[in-house]
Amino acid sequence: MNGERYYTYRCGRQSVRFFVLDSNYMTPEQVEWLEGALRDSHDRWKIAYFHHPIYSTGLHGSDVELRRTLEPLFVRHGVNVVFSGHEHFYQRLKPQHGVRYFVSGGAGKLRRGDIATDPALTAKGYDRGYHFMVVEIAGDALFFQVIADDGSTVDVGTLRYERPH
């Protein structure tokens, strides 16, 4: 946006702030900026999104180095939800340290069978077709629906706001 690799913006009247990161080049300057932006945000919903997943059971797998860098900031500053892509499937992960993670790469080349089953990590996975996500926030509720290219619902649910610990 406007030539920036990472930035933040507030959406609507729902006290929702998005943190957009460049996971291709996670520089010390970007990490320092994120720490300050998260610390200074008093929005109820803090949502981060970037390309490479820090949790995934897919072909590319979890970016563990990125996790070591970002997850402590997410936990310390109360990030509620993280969206990423990179994998060519949908995966909703079980909450990790109080943060909810989604991987949605459903517009890329289909790679059936690339999502491994890990009951300790995966809440829902889908790799049988293209998909898109619809997300809506109203007060203390985040509603999500994942729709496949054939019109069927792949996943649907509601996340409730939880005050950071």
Protein backbone atom coordinates (compact mmCIF):
# COMPACT_ATOMS: atom_id res chain seq x y z
CA MET A 1 0.00 0.00 0.00
CA ASN A 2 1.42 3.30 -1.08
CA GLY A 3 4.81 1.64 -1.53
CA GLU A 4 4.98 0.29 2.03
CA ARG A 5 5.98 -3.34 2.64
CA TYR A 6 4.26 -3.45 6.04
CA TYR A 7 1.61 -1.26 7.56
CA THR A 8 -1.46 -1.15 9.79
CA TYR A 9 -4.98 0.13 9.31
CA ARG A 10 -8.21 0.32 11.25
CA CYS A 11 -11.43 -0.96 9.79
CA GLY A 12 -14.90 0.39 10.47
CA ARG A 13 -16.44 1.12 13.81
CA GLN A 14 -15.84 -2.36 15.23
CA SER A 15 -12.47 -1.63 16.90
CA VAL A 16 -10.59 -3.86 14.45
CA ARG A 17 -6.97 -3.20 13.52
CA PHE A 18 -5.09 -5.09 10.82
CA PHE A 19 -1.33 -5.57 10.78
CA VAL A 20 -0.01 -6.36 7.32
CA LEU A 21 3.47 -7.90 7.26
CA ASP A 22 6.03 -8.78 4.63
CA SER A 23 7.04 -12.32 5.57
CA ASN A 24 9.44 -12.49 2.61
CA TYR A 25 11.80 -9.99 4.28
CA MET A 26 11.25 -9.95 8.03
CA THR A 27 13.84 -7.31 8.83
CA PRO A 28 14.71 -6.09 12.35
CA GLU A 29 13.13 -2.75 11.39
CA GLN A 30 9.84 -4.46 10.56
CA VAL A 31 9.88 -6.41 13.84
CA GLU A 32 10.59 -3.22 15.80
CA TRP A 33 7.77 -1.43 13.95
CA LEU A 34 5.37 -4.33 14.67
CA GLU A 35 6.23 -4.36 18.36
CA GLY A 36 5.46 -0.64 18.61
CA ALA A 37 2.30 -0.81 16.47
CA LEU A 38 0.90 -3.72 18.51
CA ARG A 39 1.82 -2.06 21.81
CA ASP A 40 0.18 1.21 20.79
CA SER A 41 -3.02 -0.41 19.51
CA HIS A 42 -5.95 -0.37 21.89
CA ASP A 43 -8.31 -1.98 19.41
CA ARG A 44 -10.31 -4.96 20.61
CA TRP A 45 -9.57 -7.11 17.56
CA LYS A 46 -5.95 -7.32 16.39
CA ILE A 47 -5.59 -9.30 13.17
CA ALA A 48 -2.30 -9.95 11.39
CA TYR A 49 -1.89 -11.25 7.88
CA PHE A 50 1.09 -12.19 5.75
CA HIS A 51 2.15 -14.80 3.21
CA HIS A 52 4.09 -17.59 5.00
CA PRO A 53 2.28 -19.59 7.71
CA ILE A 54 3.97 -20.04 11.05
CA TYR A 55 1.80 -23.12 11.61
CA SER A 56 0.97 -25.51 8.78
CA THR A 57 0.94 -29.25 8.15
CA GLY A 58 1.29 -28.80 4.40
CA LEU A 59 3.99 -29.36 1.84
CA HIS A 60 5.85 -26.18 2.81
CA GLY A 61 5.15 -26.66 6.50
CA SER A 62 5.46 -24.22 9.36
CA ASP A 63 7.95 -21.38 9.03
CA VAL A 64 9.55 -22.01 12.41
CA GLU A 65 12.01 -19.10 12.21
CA LEU A 66 9.17 -16.71 11.46
CA ARG A 67 7.23 -18.24 14.36
CA ARG A 68 10.14 -17.61 16.74
CA THR A 69 10.16 -13.98 15.67
CA LEU A 70 6.45 -13.17 15.49
CA GLU A 71 4.56 -15.40 17.89
CA PRO A 72 5.99 -13.90 21.10
CA LEU A 73 4.81 -10.48 19.88
CA PHE A 74 1.37 -11.84 18.97
CA VAL A 75 0.96 -13.42 22.40
CA ARG A 76 2.39 -10.49 24.40
CA HIS A 77 0.22 -7.90 22.63
CA GLY A 78 -3.04 -9.83 22.31
CA VAL A 79 -3.29 -10.63 18.60
CA ASN A 80 -6.54 -12.53 18.16
CA VAL A 81 -6.30 -13.96 14.65
CA VAL A 82 -3.58 -14.55 12.04
CA PHE A 83 -4.23 -15.25 8.35
CA SER A 84 -1.60 -16.55 5.96
CA GLY A 85 -1.37 -18.31 2.62
CA HIS A 86 1.55 -19.96 0.77
CA GLU A 87 0.06 -23.46 1.03
CA HIS A 88 -2.48 -24.21 -1.70
CA PHE A 89 -5.26 -25.36 0.60
CA TYR A 90 -7.37 -24.27 3.57
CA GLN A 91 -6.41 -25.05 7.15
CA ARG A 92 -7.90 -23.83 10.41
CA LEU A 93 -5.52 -24.60 13.20
CA LYS A 94 -6.33 -25.22 16.81
CA PRO A 95 -5.49 -22.14 18.90
CA GLN A 96 -1.81 -21.86 19.68
CA HIS A 97 -0.93 -19.89 22.82
CA GLY A 98 -4.32 -18.17 22.62
CA VAL A 99 -3.96 -17.09 18.97
CA ARG A 100 -6.19 -18.46 16.19
CA TYR A 101 -4.43 -19.26 12.90
CA PHE A 102 -5.85 -19.77 9.40
CA VAL A 103 -4.05 -20.78 6.20
CA SER A 104 -5.94 -19.91 3.04
CA GLY A 105 -4.20 -20.40 -0.29
CA GLY A 106 -7.21 -21.66 -2.17
CA ALA A 107 -6.68 -19.74 -5.41
CA GLY A 108 -3.29 -21.32 -6.20
CA LYS A 109 -2.58 -24.54 -8.07
CA LEU A 110 -4.45 -27.36 -6.37
CA ARG A 111 -2.28 -29.80 -4.52
CA ARG A 112 -4.51 -32.59 -3.25
CA GLY A 113 -2.92 -34.67 -0.55
CA ASP A 114 -0.50 -31.93 0.54
CA ILE A 115 -2.26 -31.35 3.83
CA ALA A 116 -1.12 -33.84 6.44
CA THR A 117 -3.37 -34.96 9.25
CA ASP A 118 -2.20 -33.80 12.65
CA PRO A 119 -5.03 -33.96 15.19
CA ALA A 120 -2.96 -31.98 17.68
CA LEU A 121 -2.71 -29.02 15.30
CA THR A 122 -5.47 -29.11 12.67
CA ALA A 123 -9.07 -28.23 13.47
CA LYS A 124 -10.19 -28.36 9.81
CA GLY A 125 -8.44 -28.86 6.49
CA TYR A 126 -9.47 -28.85 2.84
CA ASP A 127 -7.38 -29.52 -0.27
CA ARG A 128 -9.93 -30.88 -2.75
CA GLY A 129 -10.75 -27.67 -4.60
CA TYR A 130 -10.40 -23.92 -4.77
CA HIS A 131 -11.97 -21.90 -1.98
CA PHE A 132 -12.40 -18.42 -0.54
CA MET A 133 -13.12 -17.06 2.93
CA VAL A 134 -15.75 -14.64 4.13
CA VAL A 135 -15.03 -12.99 7.47
CA GLU A 136 -17.25 -10.58 9.37
CA ILE A 137 -16.74 -9.03 12.79
CA ALA A 138 -19.61 -7.76 14.90
CA GLY A 139 -18.71 -6.72 18.42
CA ASP A 140 -17.32 -9.71 20.30
CA ALA A 141 -17.85 -12.20 17.45
CA LEU A 142 -15.83 -13.00 14.35
CA PHE A 143 -17.86 -15.06 11.91
CA PHE A 144 -16.08 -17.01 9.17
CA GLN A 145 -17.21 -19.18 6.31
CA VAL A 146 -15.05 -21.00 3.79
CA ILE A 147 -16.75 -21.71 0.48
CA ALA A 148 -15.49 -24.16 -2.15
CA ASP A 149 -15.58 -23.53 -5.89
CA ASP A 150 -18.61 -25.82 -6.18
CA GLY A 151 -20.54 -23.57 -3.77
CA SER A 152 -20.42 -25.94 -0.80
CA THR A 153 -19.40 -24.77 2.65
CA VAL A 154 -16.04 -26.19 3.68
CA ASP A 155 -15.91 -24.69 7.16
CA VAL A 156 -17.97 -22.24 9.17
CA GLY A 157 -17.74 -20.92 12.68
CA THR A 158 -17.69 -18.11 15.17
CA LEU A 159 -14.71 -16.98 17.20
CA ARG A 160 -15.48 -15.08 20.37
CA TYR A 161 -13.31 -12.24 21.54
CA GLU A 162 -11.19 -13.29 24.49
CA ARG A 163 -9.43 -10.70 26.57
CA PRO A 164 -5.65 -11.22 26.34
CA HIS A 165 -4.06 -12.68 29.46
